[in-house]
Amino acid sequence: MDTICIDKSNLSELDEVIRSMYKWYANCAAVVLDSGTSLSKWSSRGWCLQEGAAAGILCGISKDGKLATIQELAIEQNQDLCTLDLHLYYRQGNAAEILARMDARQTTREEDRAYALVGIFSIDLTLAYGEGLRSRTRLLHQLAIQKGDLSFLSFHTGGEPLHHYLPAIDESNHLIAKCTRASAPINVSHFGMCFEVQFVNEEDAKRVLHNLNDWRKMSFAKGRSLGIDELFTVGEAFEDQTILSVELVIVHDIRSLLLVLVYGEDMQTGGGKPIKLCYRLQCCQMEELEFKRLFPKVNIELERIWLGDKPESDDLD
């Protein structure tokens, strides 16, 4: 359909079509896959993610030339249905899962990884071919601003702290918790993203980490968190560095704990109250019920932070 029916030399038409493709598939009585493409090849293409996600009825052509259901094709081609991402739909807080599924696929151009998700997320994003991976940053920013969805921040950081505070391709993980819509408006600027967290003061942080350490050793805790071991590893590495201000924050909307390094303050946008400038060191996300039990949202004080890229070394002096 996109090969025959879209004038790709007309940028205005291309922009309109890309915004509309998800709705086209969703409104079809049925979507029939190209008979010359195997399911394994189809499931590896980035643009095909929205076909399987949106189509109510998905069919194809069998080896004998007859119309076949997707289930019949999967049996014929020995393809596991769960690898096809069928009926994948966006709901509040599952952006990380959809990003992970797109990251496992391929597109001809880097930008198309982001543009192919616009319809699934139902957000507005202006096309700018030539921008490369910046399209991913813009996609995540608009997801946060338009939908209040911060679930993509739940990726945990392995090894050295990353320069970028947003998940790169292949860094996003499937969620283990049901995230919620952000409790306050989200802002984006050259500082990064501004949203609400709960700061844990130094004495409480020691208690929280001690209790969390005991929890992770319990048999029932296995598989109910992501990044918890790395959180302790990174925390221990900064214990004796009194020069740097490393703090523990709880992000209730994404059921996560973040270790952040505070490197400055923004005195302009907080309405007279300074907003801390931070970059992430490590994230740990927990299964929803366990998170609520360990970190009940009762009588807590929320504070806005700017979470952004790691600053230049001169800014840390």
Protein backbone atom coordinates (compact mmCIF):
# COMPACT_ATOMS: atom_id res chain seq x y z
CA MET A 1 0.00 0.00 0.00
CA ASP A 2 2.75 2.46 0.90
CA THR A 3 4.75 1.50 -2.22
CA ILE A 4 1.89 2.00 -4.71
CA CYS A 5 -0.43 4.56 -3.14
CA ILE A 6 1.87 7.15 -1.54
CA ASP A 7 3.74 9.85 -3.41
CA LYS A 8 6.87 9.86 -1.27
CA SER A 9 8.28 12.86 -3.15
CA ASN A 10 5.42 14.96 -1.75
CA LEU A 11 6.45 15.66 1.87
CA SER A 12 3.04 17.06 2.80
CA GLU A 13 1.29 13.91 1.58
CA LEU A 14 3.91 11.68 3.20
CA ASP A 15 3.44 13.45 6.54
CA GLU A 16 -0.35 13.09 6.38
CA VAL A 17 -0.17 9.44 5.35
CA ILE A 18 2.23 8.40 8.10
CA ARG A 19 -0.06 10.01 10.66
CA SER A 20 -3.04 8.12 9.18
CA MET A 21 -1.64 4.64 8.52
CA TYR A 22 -2.52 3.19 11.93
CA LYS A 23 -6.13 4.38 11.52
CA TRP A 24 -6.27 2.82 8.05
CA TYR A 25 -5.31 -0.58 9.37
CA ALA A 26 -7.62 -0.25 12.38
CA ASN A 27 -10.61 0.65 10.19
CA CYS A 28 -10.10 -2.16 7.66
CA ALA A 29 -12.50 -5.10 7.65
CA ALA A 30 -9.37 -7.24 7.32
CA VAL A 31 -5.70 -6.79 6.48
CA VAL A 32 -4.15 -9.29 4.05
CA LEU A 33 -0.38 -9.67 4.15
CA ASP A 34 1.78 -9.75 1.04
CA SER A 35 1.97 -13.36 -0.14
CA GLY A 36 5.64 -12.98 -1.06
CA THR A 37 6.73 -12.12 2.48
CA SER A 38 7.22 -14.79 5.15
CA LEU A 39 5.97 -14.16 8.67
CA SER A 40 9.52 -14.19 10.01
CA LYS A 41 10.46 -11.42 7.56
CA TRP A 42 7.24 -9.51 8.21
CA SER A 43 7.77 -9.61 11.98
CA SER A 44 11.27 -8.14 11.59
CA ARG A 45 10.12 -4.97 9.82
CA GLY A 46 9.51 -1.83 11.85
CA TRP A 47 6.65 -0.46 9.79
CA CYS A 48 4.82 -3.80 10.03
CA LEU A 49 4.48 -3.48 13.81
CA GLN A 50 1.43 -1.24 13.43
CA GLU A 51 -0.18 -3.64 10.93
CA GLY A 52 -0.26 -6.45 13.48
CA ALA A 53 -1.11 -4.05 16.30
CA ALA A 54 -4.03 -2.30 14.60
CA ALA A 55 -5.63 -4.94 12.38
CA GLY A 56 -8.69 -6.59 13.88
CA ILE A 57 -8.49 -9.48 11.39
CA LEU A 58 -5.16 -10.39 9.88
CA CYS A 59 -4.89 -12.81 6.96
CA GLY A 60 -2.41 -13.96 4.35
CA ILE A 61 -2.01 -16.24 1.37
CA SER A 62 -1.10 -19.87 2.00
CA LYS A 63 1.32 -21.92 -0.11
CA ASP A 64 -1.55 -23.28 -2.19
CA GLY A 65 -2.72 -19.73 -3.00
CA LYS A 66 -5.76 -19.66 -0.69
CA LEU A 67 -6.75 -17.00 1.83
CA ALA A 68 -5.61 -18.14 5.29
CA THR A 69 -5.88 -16.80 8.81
CA ILE A 70 -2.75 -15.62 10.60
CA GLN A 71 -3.02 -18.68 12.85
CA GLU A 72 -3.06 -21.02 9.83
CA LEU A 73 -0.09 -19.22 8.29
CA ALA A 74 1.85 -19.49 11.55
CA ILE A 75 1.28 -23.26 11.65
CA GLU A 76 2.21 -23.62 7.98
CA GLN A 77 5.44 -21.63 8.43
CA ASN A 78 6.26 -23.00 11.88
CA GLN A 79 6.17 -19.47 13.32
CA ASP A 80 5.35 -18.82 16.99
CA LEU A 81 2.36 -16.44 17.20
CA CYS A 82 3.74 -14.64 20.25
CA THR A 83 6.65 -13.35 18.13
CA LEU A 84 4.32 -11.46 15.79
CA ASP A 85 3.18 -8.71 18.22
CA LEU A 86 -0.47 -9.12 17.29
CA HIS A 87 -3.09 -6.77 18.75
CA LEU A 88 -0.41 -4.81 20.59
CA TYR A 89 -2.11 -1.63 21.74
CA TYR A 90 -0.93 1.37 23.67
CA ARG A 91 -2.28 1.85 27.15
CA GLN A 92 -1.13 4.30 29.77
CA GLY A 93 2.31 3.27 30.93
CA ASN A 94 3.30 0.50 28.50
CA ALA A 95 5.44 2.68 26.21
CA ALA A 96 8.59 0.83 27.31
CA GLU A 97 7.17 -2.48 26.12
CA ILE A 98 6.23 -1.07 22.70
CA LEU A 99 9.64 0.58 22.33
CA ALA A 100 11.32 -2.74 23.13
CA ARG A 101 9.27 -4.50 20.48
CA MET A 102 10.15 -1.86 17.88
CA ASP A 103 13.84 -2.02 18.85
CA ALA A 104 13.89 -5.70 17.87
CA ARG A 105 12.84 -4.76 14.33
CA GLN A 106 14.57 -3.09 11.40
CA THR A 107 13.80 0.00 9.31
CA THR A 108 15.58 1.40 6.27
CA ARG A 109 16.03 4.79 7.93
CA GLU A 110 16.71 5.45 11.61
CA GLU A 111 13.89 7.99 11.82
CA ASP A 112 11.28 5.43 10.85
CA ARG A 113 11.66 3.61 14.17
CA ALA A 114 10.07 6.67 15.76
CA TYR A 115 7.68 7.65 12.97
CA ALA A 116 6.20 4.14 12.81
CA LEU A 117 5.12 4.48 16.46
CA VAL A 118 3.26 7.78 16.10
CA GLY A 119 -0.03 6.06 15.24
CA ILE A 120 0.29 3.41 17.94
CA PHE A 121 0.94 6.06 20.60
CA SER A 122 -1.65 8.42 19.06
CA ILE A 123 0.58 11.48 19.38
CA ASP A 124 1.48 14.35 17.06
CA LEU A 125 5.05 14.40 15.76
CA THR A 126 6.28 16.45 12.83
CA LEU A 127 8.39 14.46 10.37
CA ALA A 128 11.93 15.63 9.74
CA TYR A 129 13.78 13.10 7.61
CA GLY A 130 17.51 13.53 8.03
CA GLU A 131 17.34 14.04 11.82
CA GLY A 132 18.40 10.45 12.54
CA LEU A 133 18.07 9.24 16.14
CA ARG A 134 16.96 12.68 17.32
CA SER A 135 13.53 11.51 16.18
CA ARG A 136 13.51 9.06 19.08
CA THR A 137 14.21 11.84 21.58
CA ARG A 138 11.39 13.95 20.13
CA LEU A 139 9.04 10.96 20.21
CA LEU A 140 9.71 10.30 23.89
CA HIS A 141 9.41 13.97 24.80
CA GLN A 142 6.03 14.22 23.07
CA LEU A 143 4.87 10.99 24.69
CA ALA A 144 5.66 12.51 28.08
CA ILE A 145 4.12 15.91 27.30
CA GLN A 146 1.00 14.76 25.44
CA LYS A 147 0.27 11.54 27.35
CA GLY A 148 1.98 12.09 30.70
CA ASP A 149 3.74 8.75 30.15
CA LEU A 150 7.18 8.38 31.78
CA SER A 151 7.36 4.60 31.63
CA PHE A 152 10.33 4.72 29.23
CA LEU A 153 12.44 6.17 32.08
CA SER A 154 12.24 2.82 33.87
CA PHE A 155 15.15 1.38 31.86
CA HIS A 156 18.02 0.43 34.15
CA THR A 157 21.56 1.55 33.41
CA GLY A 158 24.26 -1.08 33.25
CA GLY A 159 27.99 -0.40 33.50
CA GLU A 160 29.21 3.17 33.20
CA PRO A 161 26.61 5.94 33.62
CA LEU A 162 25.16 6.88 30.25
CA HIS A 163 25.50 10.33 28.81
CA HIS A 164 21.91 10.34 27.63
CA TYR A 165 19.05 10.20 30.11
CA LEU A 166 16.64 8.60 27.62
CA PRO A 167 16.80 4.93 26.63
CA ALA A 168 18.76 4.24 23.48
CA ILE A 169 17.80 1.52 21.01
CA ASP A 170 18.03 -1.93 22.64
CA GLU A 171 18.11 -0.43 26.17
CA SER A 172 14.37 -0.37 26.79
CA ASN A 173 12.93 -3.29 28.78
CA HIS A 174 9.49 -4.80 29.00
CA LEU A 175 7.76 -3.39 32.06
CA ILE A 176 7.10 -5.44 35.14
CA ALA A 177 4.78 -2.86 36.70
CA LYS A 178 1.69 -0.98 35.66
CA CYS A 179 2.76 2.64 35.37
CA THR A 180 0.34 5.53 35.74
CA ARG A 181 -0.13 8.91 34.15
CA ALA A 182 2.22 11.55 35.54
CA SER A 183 0.71 13.31 38.55
CA ALA A 184 1.71 16.78 37.29
CA PRO A 185 2.43 18.38 33.90
CA ILE A 186 5.77 17.45 32.35
CA ASN A 187 8.06 20.11 30.90
CA VAL A 188 10.94 19.70 28.44
CA SER A 189 13.85 22.09 27.95
CA HIS A 190 17.61 22.09 27.42
CA PHE A 191 17.83 20.89 31.05
CA GLY A 192 15.99 17.69 30.13
CA MET A 193 12.57 16.70 31.49
CA CYS A 194 10.92 18.16 34.56
CA PHE A 195 8.58 15.93 36.60
CA GLU A 196 7.67 15.08 40.20
CA VAL A 197 9.61 12.72 42.46
CA GLN A 198 9.96 12.02 46.16
CA PHE A 199 13.43 12.79 47.51
CA VAL A 200 14.60 10.46 50.28
CA ASN A 201 16.82 12.27 52.78
CA GLU A 202 20.14 10.77 53.81
CA GLU A 203 19.01 8.97 56.97
CA ASP A 204 15.81 7.67 55.40
CA ALA A 205 17.77 6.62 52.31
CA LYS A 206 19.96 4.32 54.42
CA ARG A 207 16.86 2.77 55.97
CA VAL A 208 15.12 2.40 52.60
CA LEU A 209 18.16 0.76 51.01
CA HIS A 210 18.63 -1.52 54.03
CA ASN A 211 14.99 -2.69 53.82
CA LEU A 212 15.25 -3.04 50.05
CA ASN A 213 18.40 -5.12 50.42
CA ASP A 214 16.59 -7.45 52.84
CA TRP A 215 13.63 -7.63 50.45
CA ARG A 216 15.69 -8.65 47.41
CA LYS A 217 17.09 -11.63 49.34
CA MET A 218 13.59 -13.04 49.91
CA SER A 219 12.59 -15.94 47.68
CA PHE A 220 9.29 -14.32 46.67
CA ALA A 221 11.11 -11.17 45.47
CA LYS A 222 12.83 -12.97 42.61
CA GLY A 223 11.72 -11.62 39.24
CA ARG A 224 9.80 -8.72 40.76
CA SER A 225 12.33 -6.00 40.00
CA LEU A 226 14.63 -4.77 37.25
CA GLY A 227 18.01 -3.21 37.99
CA ILE A 228 17.97 -3.78 41.75
CA ASP A 229 21.42 -5.40 41.93
CA GLU A 230 22.90 -2.64 39.78
CA LEU A 231 21.29 -0.03 42.05
CA PHE A 232 23.26 -1.33 45.04
CA THR A 233 26.45 -1.69 43.02
CA VAL A 234 26.30 1.90 41.83
CA GLY A 235 25.25 3.18 45.26
CA GLU A 236 28.22 1.49 46.93
CA ALA A 237 30.60 3.00 44.39
CA PHE A 238 29.50 6.52 45.42
CA GLU A 239 29.31 5.96 49.20
CA ASP A 240 32.70 7.50 49.99
CA GLN A 241 32.54 10.33 47.47
CA THR A 242 31.36 13.15 49.71
CA ILE A 243 32.11 15.80 47.08
CA LEU A 244 29.35 14.59 44.78
CA SER A 245 25.69 14.92 45.78
CA VAL A 246 24.18 11.51 45.03
CA GLU A 247 20.56 11.18 46.12
CA LEU A 248 17.85 8.54 46.07
CA VAL A 249 14.50 9.54 44.60
CA ILE A 250 11.26 7.58 44.26
CA VAL A 251 9.23 8.03 41.08
CA HIS A 252 5.81 6.74 42.08
CA ASP A 253 4.28 7.10 38.61
CA ILE A 254 6.67 4.49 37.15
CA ARG A 255 7.15 2.38 40.34
CA SER A 256 10.86 3.10 40.30
CA LEU A 257 13.78 4.21 42.42
CA LEU A 258 16.40 6.42 40.82
CA LEU A 259 19.91 7.14 41.99
CA VAL A 260 20.67 10.62 40.68
CA LEU A 261 23.59 12.98 40.89
CA VAL A 262 22.51 16.54 41.69
CA TYR A 263 24.85 19.00 39.97
CA GLY A 264 23.02 22.34 40.18
CA GLU A 265 19.77 24.24 40.58
CA ASP A 266 17.35 26.01 38.27
CA MET A 267 16.18 29.21 39.97
CA GLN A 268 13.99 30.46 37.12
CA THR A 269 11.18 27.99 36.46
CA GLY A 270 10.22 26.86 39.95
CA GLY A 271 8.13 29.86 40.94
CA GLY A 272 10.64 31.00 43.55
CA LYS A 273 11.58 27.46 44.62
CA PRO A 274 14.81 26.04 43.17
CA ILE A 275 14.53 22.89 41.07
CA LYS A 276 17.43 20.47 41.29
CA LEU A 277 19.32 19.60 38.11
CA CYS A 278 20.08 15.87 38.04
CA TYR A 279 21.28 13.08 35.83
CA ARG A 280 20.57 9.41 36.33
CA LEU A 281 23.06 6.92 37.68
CA GLN A 282 20.79 3.90 38.02
CA CYS A 283 17.14 2.92 37.96
CA CYS A 284 15.34 0.08 39.69
CA GLN A 285 11.74 -0.68 38.81
CA MET A 286 9.58 -2.94 40.94
CA GLU A 287 6.44 -4.98 40.47
CA GLU A 288 3.45 -2.82 41.26
CA LEU A 289 2.02 -4.48 44.39
CA GLU A 290 5.42 -4.89 46.03
CA PHE A 291 6.32 -1.30 45.22
CA LYS A 292 3.11 0.01 46.78
CA ARG A 293 3.69 -2.10 49.88
CA LEU A 294 7.28 -0.95 50.33
CA PHE A 295 6.74 2.68 49.32
CA PRO A 296 3.17 3.70 50.17
CA LYS A 297 2.15 7.06 48.74
CA VAL A 298 0.89 8.47 52.02
CA ASN A 299 1.73 11.93 53.38
CA ILE A 300 4.70 12.31 51.09
CA GLU A 301 6.16 15.53 49.77
CA LEU A 302 6.72 15.61 46.03
CA GLU A 303 9.38 17.78 44.46
CA ARG A 304 10.05 18.60 40.83
CA ILE A 305 13.44 17.83 39.29
CA TRP A 306 15.10 18.37 35.95
CA LEU A 307 16.44 15.02 34.74
CA GLY A 308 18.84 15.43 31.84
CA ASP A 309 22.08 14.39 30.26
CA LYS A 310 25.30 14.11 32.20
CA PRO A 311 26.80 17.62 32.23
CA GLU A 312 30.28 18.50 31.13
CA SER A 313 32.95 17.91 33.77
CA ASP A 314 33.34 21.67 34.28
CA ASP A 315 29.72 21.88 35.44
CA LEU A 316 30.42 19.32 38.20
CA ASP A 317 33.27 21.26 39.83
